[in-house]
Protein backbone atom coordinates (compact mmCIF):
# COMPACT_ATOMS: atom_id res chain seq x y z
CA MET A 1 -93.51 -69.94 -78.37
CA SER A 2 -94.05 -66.42 -77.09
CA VAL A 3 -94.17 -65.46 -73.44
CA LEU A 4 -97.54 -64.54 -71.94
CA TYR A 5 -97.31 -61.38 -69.82
CA ALA A 6 -100.36 -61.42 -67.55
CA SER A 7 -100.06 -57.74 -66.64
CA PRO A 8 -98.39 -54.56 -67.89
CA GLU A 9 -96.16 -54.80 -64.81
CA ASP A 10 -94.99 -58.29 -65.91
CA ALA A 11 -94.14 -56.93 -69.36
CA GLU A 12 -92.29 -53.99 -67.81
CA LEU A 13 -90.21 -56.26 -65.58
CA ALA A 14 -89.32 -58.39 -68.61
CA PHE A 15 -88.39 -55.25 -70.61
CA TYR A 16 -85.90 -53.99 -68.03
CA ASP A 17 -84.56 -57.50 -67.34
CA SER A 18 -83.84 -58.04 -71.04
CA LEU A 19 -82.21 -54.59 -71.18
CA GLU A 20 -79.90 -55.45 -68.28
CA ARG A 21 -79.00 -58.79 -69.87
CA SER A 22 -78.64 -57.41 -73.43
CA ASP A 23 -80.95 -60.20 -74.62
CA ILE A 24 -82.46 -59.21 -77.97
CA GLU A 25 -84.88 -62.15 -78.21
CA ALA A 26 -86.25 -61.55 -74.71
CA MET A 27 -86.46 -57.82 -75.50
CA MET A 28 -88.46 -58.34 -78.67
CA SER A 29 -90.81 -60.78 -76.93
CA VAL A 30 -92.01 -57.86 -74.81
CA TRP A 31 -92.94 -55.75 -77.85
CA LEU A 32 -96.23 -55.86 -79.71
CA ALA A 33 -95.89 -57.81 -82.98
CA ASP A 34 -97.01 -54.84 -85.04
CA GLU A 35 -95.44 -52.21 -87.26
CA SER A 36 -96.97 -49.41 -85.16
CA ILE A 37 -94.48 -49.84 -82.28
CA VAL A 38 -92.27 -46.86 -81.45
CA CYS A 39 -89.09 -46.51 -79.39
CA VAL A 40 -87.16 -43.33 -78.62
CA HIS A 41 -83.82 -43.79 -76.88
CA PRO A 42 -82.38 -40.75 -75.07
CA GLY A 43 -80.98 -38.26 -77.57
CA ALA A 44 -81.78 -40.49 -80.54
CA SER A 45 -84.21 -40.49 -83.44
CA ARG A 46 -87.57 -42.22 -83.25
CA LEU A 47 -87.52 -45.90 -84.22
CA GLU A 48 -90.72 -47.18 -85.82
CA GLY A 49 -91.73 -50.75 -86.57
CA GLN A 50 -90.30 -54.08 -85.52
CA HIS A 51 -87.25 -53.97 -87.79
CA ASP A 52 -86.07 -50.54 -86.61
CA VAL A 53 -86.80 -51.20 -82.93
CA ARG A 54 -84.90 -54.51 -83.09
CA ALA A 55 -82.00 -52.87 -84.93
CA GLY A 56 -81.83 -50.08 -82.33
CA PHE A 57 -81.59 -52.52 -79.44
CA MET A 58 -79.18 -54.79 -81.30
CA GLN A 59 -76.86 -51.84 -81.85
CA MET A 60 -77.11 -50.96 -78.16
CA PHE A 61 -76.45 -54.56 -77.09
CA GLU A 62 -73.49 -55.03 -79.46
CA GLU A 63 -71.59 -51.95 -78.26
CA PRO A 64 -68.96 -52.81 -75.66
CA THR A 65 -70.48 -51.30 -72.53
CA PRO A 66 -70.33 -52.36 -68.91
CA SER A 67 -73.37 -54.13 -67.56
CA MET A 68 -76.06 -51.79 -66.35
CA ASP A 69 -78.55 -52.22 -63.54
CA PHE A 70 -81.89 -50.42 -63.72
CA SER A 71 -83.81 -49.35 -60.64
CA ILE A 72 -87.30 -48.22 -61.56
CA THR A 73 -88.79 -45.63 -59.21
CA ASP A 74 -91.57 -43.05 -59.15
CA VAL A 75 -93.85 -45.36 -61.12
CA ARG A 76 -97.18 -43.88 -62.16
CA CYS A 77 -99.70 -46.19 -63.84
CA GLN A 78 -102.91 -45.55 -65.72
CA GLN A 79 -104.88 -48.46 -67.10
CA LEU A 80 -107.94 -48.24 -69.33
CA ASP A 81 -109.43 -51.42 -70.73
CA ASN A 82 -106.75 -52.77 -73.10
CA PHE A 83 -104.12 -50.07 -72.63
CA ALA A 84 -101.75 -49.11 -69.81
CA ILE A 85 -99.49 -46.09 -69.55
CA HIS A 86 -96.56 -46.17 -67.16
CA THR A 87 -94.32 -43.21 -66.44
CA VAL A 88 -91.18 -44.16 -64.57
CA ARG A 89 -87.83 -42.88 -63.41
CA GLU A 90 -84.96 -45.11 -64.55
CA GLU A 91 -81.94 -44.95 -62.23
CA ILE A 92 -79.07 -46.58 -64.11
CA GLU A 93 -76.08 -47.96 -62.24
CA VAL A 94 -72.77 -49.31 -63.47
CA ASP A 95 -70.67 -51.20 -60.91
CA GLY A 96 -72.97 -50.00 -58.14
CA GLN A 97 -72.54 -46.33 -59.01
CA LEU A 98 -75.43 -44.20 -60.24
CA VAL A 99 -74.41 -42.92 -63.69
CA SER A 100 -77.65 -41.71 -65.22
CA VAL A 101 -81.29 -40.97 -64.53
CA MET A 102 -83.89 -41.13 -67.29
CA LEU A 103 -87.57 -40.35 -67.35
CA ALA A 104 -89.51 -42.86 -69.42
CA THR A 105 -93.00 -43.45 -70.71
CA ASN A 106 -93.98 -47.04 -71.46
CA ILE A 107 -97.29 -47.85 -73.12
CA TYR A 108 -98.70 -51.38 -73.17
CA GLN A 109 -101.58 -53.01 -75.01
CA ARG A 110 -103.48 -56.12 -73.94
CA THR A 111 -103.59 -58.68 -76.75
CA GLY A 112 -104.71 -62.27 -77.10
CA GLN A 113 -101.11 -63.18 -76.20
CA GLY A 114 -101.01 -61.03 -73.05
CA TRP A 115 -99.69 -57.51 -72.49
CA ARG A 116 -97.16 -56.11 -74.96
CA MET A 117 -95.18 -52.88 -75.14
CA MET A 118 -96.15 -50.55 -77.94
CA LEU A 119 -94.08 -47.49 -76.99
CA HIS A 120 -90.96 -46.74 -74.94
CA HIS A 121 -89.73 -43.17 -74.80
CA ALA A 122 -86.85 -42.20 -72.50
CA SER A 123 -85.08 -38.90 -72.00
CA PRO A 124 -82.56 -37.57 -69.47
CA GLU A 125 -83.98 -36.16 -66.28
CA PRO A 126 -83.44 -32.40 -66.22
CA ASP A 127 -80.60 -31.30 -63.95
CA MET A 128 -82.30 -28.16 -62.74
CA ASP A 129 -84.85 -27.88 -59.97
CA PHE A 130 -87.79 -26.13 -61.62
CA ASP A 131 -89.25 -25.15 -58.24
CA GLU A 132 -86.34 -22.77 -57.69
CA LEU A 133 -86.90 -20.84 -60.91
CA ASP A 134 -88.51 -17.38 -60.84
CA TYR A 135 -91.53 -17.38 -63.13
CA THR A 136 -92.37 -13.71 -62.58
CA PHE A 137 -93.09 -11.96 -65.88
CA GLU A 138 -93.57 -8.26 -66.27
CA SER A 139 -95.90 -8.01 -69.22
CA PRO A 140 -99.31 -6.35 -69.59
CA GLU A 141 -100.37 -9.13 -71.99
CA PRO A 142 -101.10 -12.70 -70.83
CA ILE A 143 -98.46 -15.23 -71.83
CA VAL A 144 -99.70 -18.20 -73.84
CA LEU A 145 -97.63 -21.39 -73.62
CA HIS A 146 -99.43 -23.42 -76.29
């Protein structure tokens, strides 16, 4: 029997709880039962579909690593009908010491079985403070970024 997540926030809590506990079954219960799901771990290739997402987490859970605690901060949420987009800051601690900070995007879809994750994308938070950079350009032509 699958778990019913009544809100995207419930699904998100279950996602990070299963990550901390290295519980593959609890982890996969959070994900949408669909081949369109996508997961990108920091510095890794994109995982697509249930098989690849499960295999990616299984590999992570099987590696001998100390237990990690996730503190989720700077949460920004957008919800439109049957979709929710959360951007978060993941502060990862090992033995009470902050070891890593990731920026993540989590996208959820409302289904007949409650809210389910359809995308998780995490990357390291940049070390530099972009506000301190000098963006002065000496060029007669406008600079186009896209």
